[in-house]
Amino acid sequence: MSDNANHEQQLLPYELRTPRITLENDVISPPETYRMFEESIGVMRHHKTIYTDWEFEAVDPM
């Protein structure tokens, strides 16, 4: 782990752990459900870009 990553982890009020279960390998669901998970994860990951940079918040206020 880099010095910066170690420093950031020390500032967190919780412990980061590697997940035991993954969506890709351990969850069995229909393709449509998996697609909805991926879309939701993408929205969370890129929230600032979508809502602030692209100004989507004007048409979809949170």
PDB file of N, CA and C in Angstrom:
ATOM      1  N   MET A   1       0.845  -1.178   0.000  1.00  0.00           N
ATOM      2  CA  MET A   1       0.000   0.000   0.000  1.00  0.00           C
ATOM      3  C   MET A   1       0.888   1.237   0.000  1.00  0.00           C
ATOM      4  N   SER A   2       0.517   2.265  -0.749  1.00  0.00           N
ATOM      5  CA  SER A   2       1.334   3.468  -0.810  1.00  0.00           C
ATOM      6  C   SER A   2       1.217   4.257   0.488  1.00  0.00           C
ATOM      7  N   ASP A   3       2.165   5.185   0.704  1.00  0.00           N
ATOM      8  CA  ASP A   3       2.134   6.018   1.904  1.00  0.00           C
ATOM      9  C   ASP A   3       0.854   6.832   1.959  1.00  0.00           C
ATOM     10  N   ASN A   4       0.403   7.351   0.796  1.00  0.00           N
ATOM     11  CA  ASN A   4      -0.815   8.151   0.741  1.00  0.00           C
ATOM     12  C   ASN A   4      -2.032   7.305   1.110  1.00  0.00           C
ATOM     13  N   ALA A   5      -2.111   6.074   0.596  1.00  0.00           N
ATOM     14  CA  ALA A   5      -3.224   5.179   0.911  1.00  0.00           C
ATOM     15  C   ALA A   5      -3.216   4.825   2.390  1.00  0.00           C
ATOM     16  N   ASN A   6      -2.035   4.586   2.970  1.00  0.00           N
ATOM     17  CA  ASN A   6      -1.936   4.304   4.402  1.00  0.00           C
ATOM     18  C   ASN A   6      -2.434   5.482   5.221  1.00  0.00           C
ATOM     19  N   HIS A   7      -2.037   6.688   4.832  1.00  0.00           N
ATOM     20  CA  HIS A   7      -2.459   7.897   5.540  1.00  0.00           C
ATOM     21  C   HIS A   7      -3.969   8.074   5.453  1.00  0.00           C
ATOM     22  N   GLU A   8      -4.541   7.880   4.258  1.00  0.00           N
ATOM     23  CA  GLU A   8      -5.989   8.015   4.087  1.00  0.00           C
ATOM     24  C   GLU A   8      -6.731   6.985   4.919  1.00  0.00           C
ATOM     25  N   GLN A   9      -6.230   5.757   4.975  1.00  0.00           N
ATOM     26  CA  GLN A   9      -6.891   4.711   5.742  1.00  0.00           C
ATOM     27  C   GLN A   9      -6.853   5.036   7.236  1.00  0.00           C
ATOM     28  N   GLN A  10      -5.790   5.656   7.704  1.00  0.00           N
ATOM     29  CA  GLN A  10      -5.690   6.013   9.112  1.00  0.00           C
ATOM     30  C   GLN A  10      -6.731   7.064   9.489  1.00  0.00           C
ATOM     31  N   LEU A  11      -7.170   7.881   8.538  1.00  0.00           N
ATOM     32  CA  LEU A  11      -8.135   8.935   8.812  1.00  0.00           C
ATOM     33  C   LEU A  11      -9.578   8.431   8.813  1.00  0.00           C
ATOM     34  N   LEU A  12      -9.824   7.243   8.290  1.00  0.00           N
ATOM     35  CA  LEU A  12     -11.179   6.719   8.187  1.00  0.00           C
ATOM     36  C   LEU A  12     -11.660   6.178   9.536  1.00  0.00           C
ATOM     37  N   PRO A  13     -12.946   6.410   9.855  1.00  0.00           N
ATOM     38  CA  PRO A  13     -13.478   5.902  11.127  1.00  0.00           C
ATOM     39  C   PRO A  13     -13.907   4.439  11.046  1.00  0.00           C
ATOM     40  N   TYR A  14     -13.543   3.754   9.985  1.00  0.00           N
ATOM     41  CA  TYR A  14     -13.901   2.359   9.799  1.00  0.00           C
ATOM     42  C   TYR A  14     -12.753   1.626   9.126  1.00  0.00           C
ATOM     43  N   GLU A  15     -12.803   0.320   9.168  1.00  0.00           N
ATOM     44  CA  GLU A  15     -11.748  -0.504   8.590  1.00  0.00           C
ATOM     45  C   GLU A  15     -12.151  -0.972   7.189  1.00  0.00           C
ATOM     46  N   LEU A  16     -11.277  -0.787   6.215  1.00  0.00           N
ATOM     47  CA  LEU A  16     -11.520  -1.278   4.863  1.00  0.00           C
ATOM     48  C   LEU A  16     -11.111  -2.738   4.783  1.00  0.00           C
ATOM     49  N   ARG A  17     -12.012  -3.566   4.256  1.00  0.00           N
ATOM     50  CA  ARG A  17     -11.709  -4.988   4.113  1.00  0.00           C
ATOM     51  C   ARG A  17     -12.055  -5.442   2.702  1.00  0.00           C
ATOM     52  N   THR A  18     -11.396  -6.491   2.255  1.00  0.00           N
ATOM     53  CA  THR A  18     -11.712  -7.095   0.965  1.00  0.00           C
ATOM     54  C   THR A  18     -13.018  -7.862   1.124  1.00  0.00           C
ATOM     55  N   PRO A  19     -13.993  -7.640   0.224  1.00  0.00           N
ATOM     56  CA  PRO A  19     -15.275  -8.338   0.355  1.00  0.00           C
ATOM     57  C   PRO A  19     -15.126  -9.845   0.184  1.00  0.00           C
ATOM     58  N   ARG A  20     -15.901 -10.597   0.956  1.00  0.00           N
ATOM     59  CA  ARG A  20     -15.910 -12.056   0.835  1.00  0.00           C
ATOM     60  C   ARG A  20     -16.825 -12.500  -0.304  1.00  0.00           C
ATOM     61  N   ILE A  21     -17.857 -11.712  -0.592  1.00  0.00           N
ATOM     62  CA  ILE A  21     -18.840 -12.044  -1.625  1.00  0.00           C
ATOM     63  C   ILE A  21     -18.820 -10.938  -2.670  1.00  0.00           C
ATOM     64  N   THR A  22     -18.843 -11.313  -3.939  1.00  0.00           N
ATOM     65  CA  THR A  22     -18.869 -10.319  -4.999  1.00  0.00           C
ATOM     66  C   THR A  22     -20.129 -10.471  -5.839  1.00  0.00           C
ATOM     67  N   LEU A  23     -20.578  -9.384  -6.391  1.00  0.00           N
ATOM     68  CA  LEU A  23     -21.762  -9.388  -7.238  1.00  0.00           C
ATOM     69  C   LEU A  23     -21.533 -10.257  -8.473  1.00  0.00           C
ATOM     70  N   GLU A  24     -20.363 -10.162  -9.045  1.00  0.00           N
ATOM     71  CA  GLU A  24     -20.065 -10.887 -10.283  1.00  0.00           C
ATOM     72  C   GLU A  24     -19.976 -12.396 -10.100  1.00  0.00           C
ATOM     73  N   ASN A  25     -19.396 -12.851  -8.986  1.00  0.00           N
ATOM     74  CA  ASN A  25     -19.102 -14.275  -8.817  1.00  0.00           C
ATOM     75  C   ASN A  25     -20.042 -15.034  -7.896  1.00  0.00           C
ATOM     76  N   ASP A  26     -20.727 -14.352  -6.989  1.00  0.00           N
ATOM     77  CA  ASP A  26     -21.464 -15.059  -5.951  1.00  0.00           C
ATOM     78  C   ASP A  26     -22.978 -14.823  -5.936  1.00  0.00           C
ATOM     79  N   VAL A  27     -23.444 -13.802  -6.615  1.00  0.00           N
ATOM     80  CA  VAL A  27     -24.873 -13.494  -6.621  1.00  0.00           C
ATOM     81  C   VAL A  27     -25.480 -14.021  -7.920  1.00  0.00           C
ATOM     82  N   ILE A  28     -26.513 -14.832  -7.772  1.00  0.00           N
ATOM     83  CA  ILE A  28     -27.197 -15.378  -8.944  1.00  0.00           C
ATOM     84  C   ILE A  28     -28.475 -14.571  -9.145  1.00  0.00           C
ATOM     85  N   SER A  29     -28.595 -13.948 -10.293  1.00  0.00           N
ATOM     86  CA  SER A  29     -29.780 -13.146 -10.580  1.00  0.00           C
ATOM     87  C   SER A  29     -30.003 -13.106 -12.089  1.00  0.00           C
ATOM     88  N   PRO A  30     -31.222 -12.776 -12.502  1.00  0.00           N
ATOM     89  CA  PRO A  30     -31.496 -12.663 -13.937  1.00  0.00           C
ATOM     90  C   PRO A  30     -30.664 -11.535 -14.558  1.00  0.00           C
ATOM     91  N   PRO A  31     -30.383 -11.607 -15.843  1.00  0.00           N
ATOM     92  CA  PRO A  31     -29.582 -10.571 -16.511  1.00  0.00           C
ATOM     93  C   PRO A  31     -30.142  -9.157 -16.317  1.00  0.00           C
ATOM     94  N   GLU A  32     -31.456  -9.003 -16.323  1.00  0.00           N
ATOM     95  CA  GLU A  32     -32.056  -7.664 -16.149  1.00  0.00           C
ATOM     96  C   GLU A  32     -31.748  -7.102 -14.765  1.00  0.00           C
ATOM     97  N   THR A  33     -31.781  -7.929 -13.739  1.00  0.00           N
ATOM     98  CA  THR A  33     -31.459  -7.484 -12.377  1.00  0.00           C
ATOM     99  C   THR A  33     -29.992  -7.085 -12.298  1.00  0.00           C
ATOM    100  N   TYR A  34     -29.125  -7.888 -12.885  1.00  0.00           N
ATOM    101  CA  TYR A  34     -27.698  -7.574 -12.894  1.00  0.00           C
ATOM    102  C   TYR A  34     -27.446  -6.251 -13.618  1.00  0.00           C
ATOM    103  N   ARG A  35     -28.153  -6.027 -14.731  1.00  0.00           N
ATOM    104  CA  ARG A  35     -28.021  -4.771 -15.468  1.00  0.00           C
ATOM    105  C   ARG A  35     -28.449  -3.584 -14.604  1.00  0.00           C
ATOM    106  N   MET A  36     -29.527  -3.741 -13.836  1.00  0.00           N
ATOM    107  CA  MET A  36     -29.989  -2.656 -12.959  1.00  0.00           C
ATOM    108  C   MET A  36     -28.969  -2.363 -11.858  1.00  0.00           C
ATOM    109  N   PHE A  37     -28.350  -3.426 -11.296  1.00  0.00           N
ATOM    110  CA  PHE A  37     -27.291  -3.216 -10.308  1.00  0.00           C
ATOM    111  C   PHE A  37     -26.147  -2.408 -10.911  1.00  0.00           C
ATOM    112  N   GLU A  38     -25.694  -2.815 -12.085  1.00  0.00           N
ATOM    113  CA  GLU A  38     -24.573  -2.127 -12.737  1.00  0.00           C
ATOM    114  C   GLU A  38     -24.918  -0.666 -13.031  1.00  0.00           C
ATOM    115  N   GLU A  39     -26.140  -0.413 -13.471  1.00  0.00           N
ATOM    116  CA  GLU A  39     -26.564   0.964 -13.754  1.00  0.00           C
ATOM    117  C   GLU A  39     -26.583   1.795 -12.473  1.00  0.00           C
ATOM    118  N   SER A  40     -27.099   1.230 -11.395  1.00  0.00           N
ATOM    119  CA  SER A  40     -27.157   1.936 -10.109  1.00  0.00           C
ATOM    120  C   SER A  40     -25.756   2.231  -9.573  1.00  0.00           C
ATOM    121  N   ILE A  41     -24.875   1.249  -9.673  1.00  0.00           N
ATOM    122  CA  ILE A  41     -23.489   1.443  -9.226  1.00  0.00           C
ATOM    123  C   ILE A  41     -22.821   2.541 -10.048  1.00  0.00           C
ATOM    124  N   GLY A  42     -23.061   2.568 -11.350  1.00  0.00           N
ATOM    125  CA  GLY A  42     -22.498   3.603 -12.211  1.00  0.00           C
ATOM    126  C   GLY A  42     -22.990   4.989 -11.840  1.00  0.00           C
ATOM    127  N   VAL A  43     -24.278   5.096 -11.520  1.00  0.00           N
ATOM    128  CA  VAL A  43     -24.835   6.398 -11.115  1.00  0.00           C
ATOM    129  C   VAL A  43     -24.178   6.867  -9.820  1.00  0.00           C
ATOM    130  N   MET A  44     -23.995   5.957  -8.868  1.00  0.00           N
ATOM    131  CA  MET A  44     -23.344   6.339  -7.608  1.00  0.00           C
ATOM    132  C   MET A  44     -21.889   6.735  -7.834  1.00  0.00           C
ATOM    133  N   ARG A  45     -21.199   5.980  -8.662  1.00  0.00           N
ATOM    134  CA  ARG A  45     -19.783   6.224  -8.925  1.00  0.00           C
ATOM    135  C   ARG A  45     -19.571   7.573  -9.631  1.00  0.00           C
ATOM    136  N   HIS A  46     -20.497   7.938 -10.493  1.00  0.00           N
ATOM    137  CA  HIS A  46     -20.335   9.146 -11.314  1.00  0.00           C
ATOM    138  C   HIS A  46     -21.352  10.226 -10.970  1.00  0.00           C
ATOM    139  N   HIS A  47     -21.830  10.227  -9.723  1.00  0.00           N
ATOM    140  CA  HIS A  47     -22.875  11.169  -9.301  1.00  0.00           C
ATOM    141  C   HIS A  47     -22.479  12.620  -9.553  1.00  0.00           C
ATOM    142  N   LYS A  48     -21.281  13.018  -9.146  1.00  0.00           N
ATOM    143  CA  LYS A  48     -20.866  14.412  -9.322  1.00  0.00           C
ATOM    144  C   LYS A  48     -20.861  14.811 -10.793  1.00  0.00           C
ATOM    145  N   THR A  49     -20.314  13.959 -11.637  1.00  0.00           N
ATOM    146  CA  THR A  49     -20.270  14.266 -13.072  1.00  0.00           C
ATOM    147  C   THR A  49     -21.672  14.421 -13.633  1.00  0.00           C
ATOM    148  N   ILE A  50     -22.553  13.495 -13.312  1.00  0.00           N
ATOM    149  CA  ILE A  50     -23.906  13.506 -13.870  1.00  0.00           C
ATOM    150  C   ILE A  50     -24.719  14.680 -13.336  1.00  0.00           C
ATOM    151  N   TYR A  51     -24.756  14.858 -12.014  1.00  0.00           N
ATOM    152  CA  TYR A  51     -25.641  15.852 -11.419  1.00  0.00           C
ATOM    153  C   TYR A  51     -25.066  17.259 -11.382  1.00  0.00           C
ATOM    154  N   THR A  52     -23.765  17.394 -11.208  1.00  0.00           N
ATOM    155  CA  THR A  52     -23.180  18.723 -11.104  1.00  0.00           C
ATOM    156  C   THR A  52     -22.573  19.180 -12.421  1.00  0.00           C
ATOM    157  N   ASP A  53     -21.632  18.415 -12.950  1.00  0.00           N
ATOM    158  CA  ASP A  53     -20.942  18.828 -14.167  1.00  0.00           C
ATOM    159  C   ASP A  53     -21.878  18.875 -15.372  1.00  0.00           C
ATOM    160  N   TRP A  54     -22.778  17.893 -15.489  1.00  0.00           N
ATOM    161  CA  TRP A  54     -23.710  17.848 -16.620  1.00  0.00           C
ATOM    162  C   TRP A  54     -25.044  18.524 -16.296  1.00  0.00           C
ATOM    163  N   GLU A  55     -25.175  19.046 -15.061  1.00  0.00           N
ATOM    164  CA  GLU A  55     -26.349  19.793 -14.576  1.00  0.00           C
ATOM    165  C   GLU A  55     -27.649  19.007 -14.661  1.00  0.00           C
ATOM    166  N   PHE A  56     -27.589  17.691 -14.466  1.00  0.00           N
ATOM    167  CA  PHE A  56     -28.795  16.867 -14.466  1.00  0.00           C
ATOM    168  C   PHE A  56     -29.670  17.156 -13.258  1.00  0.00           C
ATOM    169  N   GLU A  57     -29.086  17.755 -12.211  1.00  0.00           N
ATOM    170  CA  GLU A  57     -29.859  18.070 -11.015  1.00  0.00           C
ATOM    171  C   GLU A  57     -30.988  19.053 -11.306  1.00  0.00           C
ATOM    172  N   ALA A  58     -30.887  19.808 -12.393  1.00  0.00           N
ATOM    173  CA  ALA A  58     -31.944  20.748 -12.758  1.00  0.00           C
ATOM    174  C   ALA A  58     -33.243  20.026 -13.154  1.00  0.00           C
ATOM    175  N   VAL A  59     -33.132  18.827 -13.714  1.00  0.00           N
ATOM    176  CA  VAL A  59     -34.320  18.083 -14.141  1.00  0.00           C
ATOM    177  C   VAL A  59     -34.642  16.927 -13.202  1.00  0.00           C
ATOM    178  N   ASP A  60     -33.721  16.573 -12.301  1.00  0.00           N
ATOM    179  CA  ASP A  60     -33.940  15.478 -11.371  1.00  0.00           C
ATOM    180  C   ASP A  60     -33.394  15.861  -9.999  1.00  0.00           C
ATOM    181  N   PRO A  61     -34.099  16.794  -9.300  1.00  0.00           N
ATOM    182  CA  PRO A  61     -33.595  17.213  -7.998  1.00  0.00           C
ATOM    183  C   PRO A  61     -33.628  16.067  -6.996  1.00  0.00           C
ATOM    184  N   MET A  62     -32.614  15.992  -6.186  1.00  0.00           N
ATOM    185  CA  MET A  62     -32.516  14.892  -5.206  1.00  0.00           C
ATOM    186  C   MET A  62     -33.313  15.220  -3.978  1.00  0.00           C
TER     187      MET A  62
END
